[in-house]
Amino acid sequence: MRNKNDSEKIGLILNDWGWANMMIGNYRKCEDLTLEALDIFENLIHNEGLISSHRNIGFAYMNRSQPLKAIPHFKKWQKLAVAEKNYRDEAYALCSIGQCSYLQGDYDLAIKQIQGGIEILQRIKDKNLEVYGNSILSLAFLFKGDFEEFNLVSSR
C-alpha cells in the first residue's frame, strides 16, 4: 500500500504525462493517464491535482472535437478554482467553457462566458491569459457573424 506522499507524486507524474501526450496530439493517451491521476487526486482530496486533471481532460476532449464531454470537466475545474480562490484558473475555465459553447454553435452564451473570464483576468491584471481570452472571444464573434465586434476585439 502506498503512502499519501507517494500517491500524490504518482498522481502528479500521471497528470504531467497526460499533458505531454496532449501536446503531441495523443489525446486518448492523455485522457487515460489523466483519468488515472484524477482517481488518485479524488481519493486524496487534492484540489490542485483535481484542478489540473479536470483541465487536462477537458482539453483532451475539446481537442478531439467533443465539447459536450469537455464541459463537465471545465465546470468542475471552475468550481474547484473558485473554492481555492484561484482567480486565474477560474477565468481560464470560464473562457474554455465559452470556447466549448461556440463550438456547439451557442455564440451568445459563449460570448457571455468568455467575457466573464476576461473580466476576471482584467481584475487580476493577467495580460497573457487575457490575450487568450480575447482571441477566443474574437472567434466567437466571427462565428456569430458579428464582424464589427470581431474587428474590435481582434484589435485589442
Protein backbone atom coordinates (compact mmCIF):
# COMPACT_ATOMS: atom_id res chain seq x y z
CA MET A 1 0.00 0.00 0.00
CA ARG A 2 1.27 3.44 -0.94
CA ASN A 3 1.54 6.30 1.48
CA LYS A 4 -0.10 9.67 0.78
CA ASN A 5 3.14 11.30 -0.44
CA ASP A 6 3.81 8.50 -2.93
CA SER A 7 0.24 8.61 -4.22
CA GLU A 8 0.45 12.37 -4.67
CA LYS A 9 3.71 12.07 -6.61
CA ILE A 10 2.28 9.32 -8.82
CA GLY A 11 -0.80 11.44 -9.50
CA LEU A 12 1.32 14.44 -10.43
CA ILE A 13 3.51 12.34 -12.73
CA LEU A 14 0.49 10.77 -14.45
CA ASN A 15 -1.04 14.21 -14.89
CA ASP A 16 2.20 15.58 -16.39
CA TRP A 17 2.48 12.59 -18.72
CA GLY A 18 -1.11 13.18 -19.77
CA TRP A 19 -0.37 16.82 -20.57
CA ALA A 20 2.76 15.84 -22.50
CA ASN A 21 0.72 13.38 -24.56
CA MET A 22 -1.83 16.06 -25.32
CA MET A 23 0.94 18.38 -26.52
CA ILE A 24 1.96 15.79 -29.12
CA GLY A 25 -1.62 15.10 -30.18
CA ASN A 26 -2.10 11.80 -28.37
CA TYR A 27 -5.42 12.84 -26.80
CA ARG A 28 -6.64 9.34 -25.97
CA LYS A 29 -3.45 8.59 -24.00
CA CYS A 30 -3.78 11.97 -22.29
CA GLU A 31 -7.30 11.07 -21.25
CA ASP A 32 -6.28 7.63 -19.93
CA LEU A 33 -3.34 8.94 -17.89
CA THR A 34 -5.22 11.93 -16.57
CA LEU A 35 -8.27 9.88 -15.55
CA GLU A 36 -5.92 7.69 -13.53
CA ALA A 37 -4.42 10.80 -11.91
CA LEU A 38 -7.92 12.16 -11.27
CA ASP A 39 -8.84 8.99 -9.40
CA ILE A 40 -5.76 9.38 -7.17
CA PHE A 41 -6.48 13.07 -6.51
CA GLU A 42 -10.13 12.35 -5.68
CA ASN A 43 -9.03 9.77 -3.09
CA LEU A 44 -6.51 12.22 -1.62
CA ILE A 45 -8.91 15.19 -1.81
CA HIS A 46 -6.06 17.06 -3.52
CA ASN A 47 -7.67 20.17 -5.02
CA GLU A 48 -4.68 21.41 -7.01
CA GLY A 49 -4.37 17.99 -8.64
CA LEU A 50 -8.10 17.89 -9.31
CA ILE A 51 -7.95 21.34 -10.91
CA SER A 52 -5.18 20.35 -13.33
CA SER A 53 -6.69 16.93 -14.05
CA HIS A 54 -10.11 18.33 -14.94
CA ARG A 55 -8.43 20.99 -17.10
CA ASN A 56 -6.33 18.40 -18.94
CA ILE A 57 -9.22 16.02 -19.53
CA GLY A 58 -11.40 18.89 -20.73
CA PHE A 59 -8.79 19.99 -23.25
CA ALA A 60 -8.26 16.39 -24.41
CA TYR A 61 -12.00 16.13 -25.16
CA MET A 62 -12.11 19.56 -26.77
CA ASN A 63 -9.14 18.71 -28.99
CA ARG A 64 -10.99 15.55 -30.04
CA SER A 65 -14.00 17.71 -31.06
CA GLN A 66 -16.06 16.54 -28.09
CA PRO A 67 -17.08 19.78 -26.35
CA LEU A 68 -20.05 18.14 -24.63
CA LYS A 69 -17.65 15.81 -22.80
CA ALA A 70 -15.25 18.67 -22.07
CA ILE A 71 -17.79 20.99 -20.42
CA PRO A 72 -18.39 18.96 -17.23
CA HIS A 73 -14.64 18.82 -16.61
CA PHE A 74 -14.24 22.53 -17.28
CA LYS A 75 -17.14 23.28 -14.90
CA LYS A 76 -15.54 21.14 -12.17
CA TRP A 77 -12.26 22.94 -12.85
CA GLN A 78 -14.02 26.30 -12.45
CA LYS A 79 -15.83 25.23 -9.26
CA LEU A 80 -12.61 23.99 -7.66
CA ALA A 81 -10.79 27.16 -8.70
CA VAL A 82 -13.50 29.30 -7.10
CA ALA A 83 -13.24 27.25 -3.87
CA GLU A 84 -9.46 27.73 -3.87
CA LYS A 85 -9.79 31.45 -4.71
CA ASN A 86 -7.65 30.72 -7.76
CA TYR A 87 -8.96 33.54 -9.96
CA ARG A 88 -6.63 32.81 -12.87
CA ASP A 89 -7.88 29.24 -13.20
CA GLU A 90 -11.47 30.38 -12.65
CA ALA A 91 -11.14 32.78 -15.58
CA TYR A 92 -9.31 30.26 -17.76
CA ALA A 93 -12.04 27.68 -17.08
CA LEU A 94 -14.78 30.20 -17.96
CA CYS A 95 -13.06 31.04 -21.24
CA SER A 96 -12.70 27.33 -22.01
CA ILE A 97 -16.38 26.68 -21.25
CA GLY A 98 -17.17 29.56 -23.60
CA GLN A 99 -14.99 28.03 -26.28
CA CYS A 100 -16.98 24.79 -25.98
CA SER A 101 -20.20 26.78 -26.24
CA TYR A 102 -19.20 28.39 -29.51
CA LEU A 103 -18.03 25.03 -30.85
CA GLN A 104 -21.62 23.88 -30.25
CA GLY A 105 -23.00 26.95 -32.03
CA ASP A 106 -24.26 28.80 -28.93
CA TYR A 107 -22.44 32.03 -29.70
CA ASP A 108 -24.35 34.33 -27.33
CA LEU A 109 -23.70 32.05 -24.35
CA ALA A 110 -20.07 31.67 -25.42
CA ILE A 111 -19.60 35.44 -25.58
CA LYS A 112 -21.11 35.87 -22.11
CA GLN A 113 -18.91 33.13 -20.61
CA ILE A 114 -15.71 34.34 -22.26
CA GLN A 115 -16.38 37.96 -21.32
CA GLY A 116 -16.87 36.80 -17.71
CA GLY A 117 -13.45 35.17 -17.82
CA ILE A 118 -11.85 38.24 -19.38
CA GLU A 119 -13.35 40.50 -16.67
CA ILE A 120 -11.65 38.38 -14.00
CA LEU A 121 -8.37 38.46 -15.92
CA GLN A 122 -8.55 42.23 -16.18
CA ARG A 123 -9.27 42.50 -12.46
CA ILE A 124 -6.23 40.37 -11.57
CA LYS A 125 -4.15 42.02 -14.31
CA ASP A 126 -3.19 38.81 -16.14
CA LYS A 127 -2.36 40.22 -19.58
CA ASN A 128 -1.03 36.93 -21.01
CA LEU A 129 -4.19 34.94 -20.37
CA GLU A 130 -6.30 37.97 -21.31
CA VAL A 131 -4.79 37.71 -24.82
CA TYR A 132 -6.02 34.09 -24.95
CA GLY A 133 -9.47 35.16 -23.78
CA ASN A 134 -9.67 37.91 -26.37
CA SER A 135 -8.57 35.56 -29.14
CA ILE A 136 -11.35 33.06 -28.42
CA LEU A 137 -13.82 35.91 -27.88
CA SER A 138 -12.96 37.27 -31.32
CA LEU A 139 -13.58 33.81 -32.80
CA ALA A 140 -16.98 33.63 -31.09
CA PHE A 141 -17.91 36.96 -32.71
CA LEU A 142 -16.54 35.77 -36.06
CA PHE A 143 -18.56 32.53 -35.98
CA LYS A 144 -21.63 34.50 -34.92
CA GLY A 145 -21.14 36.73 -37.96
CA ASP A 146 -20.64 39.91 -35.92
CA PHE A 147 -17.70 41.25 -37.89
CA GLU A 148 -17.74 44.67 -36.23
CA GLU A 149 -17.22 43.14 -32.76
CA PHE A 150 -14.74 40.65 -34.23
CA ASN A 151 -12.62 43.55 -35.56
CA LEU A 152 -12.94 45.47 -32.30
CA VAL A 153 -11.85 42.53 -30.10
CA SER A 154 -9.15 41.44 -32.56
CA SER A 155 -7.51 44.85 -32.37
CA ARG A 156 -7.07 44.71 -28.55
